[in-house]
């Protein structure tokens, strides 16, 4: 896995999450806390 470099940053993007603009607010109000919890759990799993 190679890190990508830009002007002032270096990063390794493994996941890209896209929400459709028209329905994003309704979706995030409905399942936002659940999605946030799942992403936090995944982050903790890969940090160790």
Protein backbone atom coordinates (compact mmCIF):
# COMPACT_ATOMS: atom_id res chain seq x y z
CA UNK A 1 0.00 0.00 0.00
CA UNK A 2 1.51 3.29 -1.06
CA UNK A 3 0.72 6.56 0.63
CA UNK A 4 -0.33 9.46 -1.57
CA UNK A 5 1.26 12.86 -1.07
CA UNK A 6 -0.18 16.30 -1.70
CA UNK A 7 1.20 19.76 -0.87
CA UNK A 8 0.90 19.54 2.92
CA UNK A 9 -0.41 16.06 3.58
CA UNK A 10 0.28 12.39 3.21
CA UNK A 11 -2.56 9.88 3.28
CA UNK A 12 -3.75 6.38 2.51
CA UNK A 13 -7.44 6.33 1.56
CA UNK A 14 -8.90 2.86 1.85
CA UNK A 15 -12.62 3.66 1.90
CA UNK A 16 -14.74 6.26 0.20
CA UNK A 17 -18.25 6.80 1.55
CA UNK A 18 -20.69 8.73 -0.64
CA UNK A 19 -24.13 10.02 0.32
CA UNK A 20 -26.47 11.25 -2.40
CA UNK A 21 -26.87 15.01 -1.92
CA UNK A 22 -30.63 15.16 -2.35
CA UNK A 23 -31.38 12.64 0.40
CA UNK A 24 -28.28 12.99 2.60
CA UNK A 25 -29.88 15.01 5.43
CA UNK A 26 -32.89 12.70 5.79
CA UNK A 27 -30.64 9.65 5.69
CA UNK A 28 -28.17 10.97 8.25
CA UNK A 29 -30.97 12.06 10.59
CA UNK A 30 -32.37 8.53 10.40
CA UNK A 31 -29.22 6.36 10.66
CA UNK A 32 -26.42 8.85 11.33
CA UNK A 33 -25.58 7.76 14.86
CA UNK A 34 -25.55 4.09 13.84
CA UNK A 35 -23.24 4.75 10.88
CA UNK A 36 -20.98 6.85 13.10
CA UNK A 37 -20.78 4.02 15.65
CA UNK A 38 -19.90 1.47 12.97
CA UNK A 39 -17.15 3.69 11.54
CA UNK A 40 -15.70 4.28 15.02
CA UNK A 41 -15.66 0.52 15.68
CA UNK A 42 -13.87 -0.13 12.39
CA UNK A 43 -11.33 2.60 13.17
CA UNK A 44 -10.59 1.15 16.61
CA UNK A 45 -10.17 -2.32 15.12
CA UNK A 46 -7.55 -1.18 12.61
CA UNK A 47 -5.68 1.18 14.98
CA UNK A 48 -4.46 -1.73 17.12
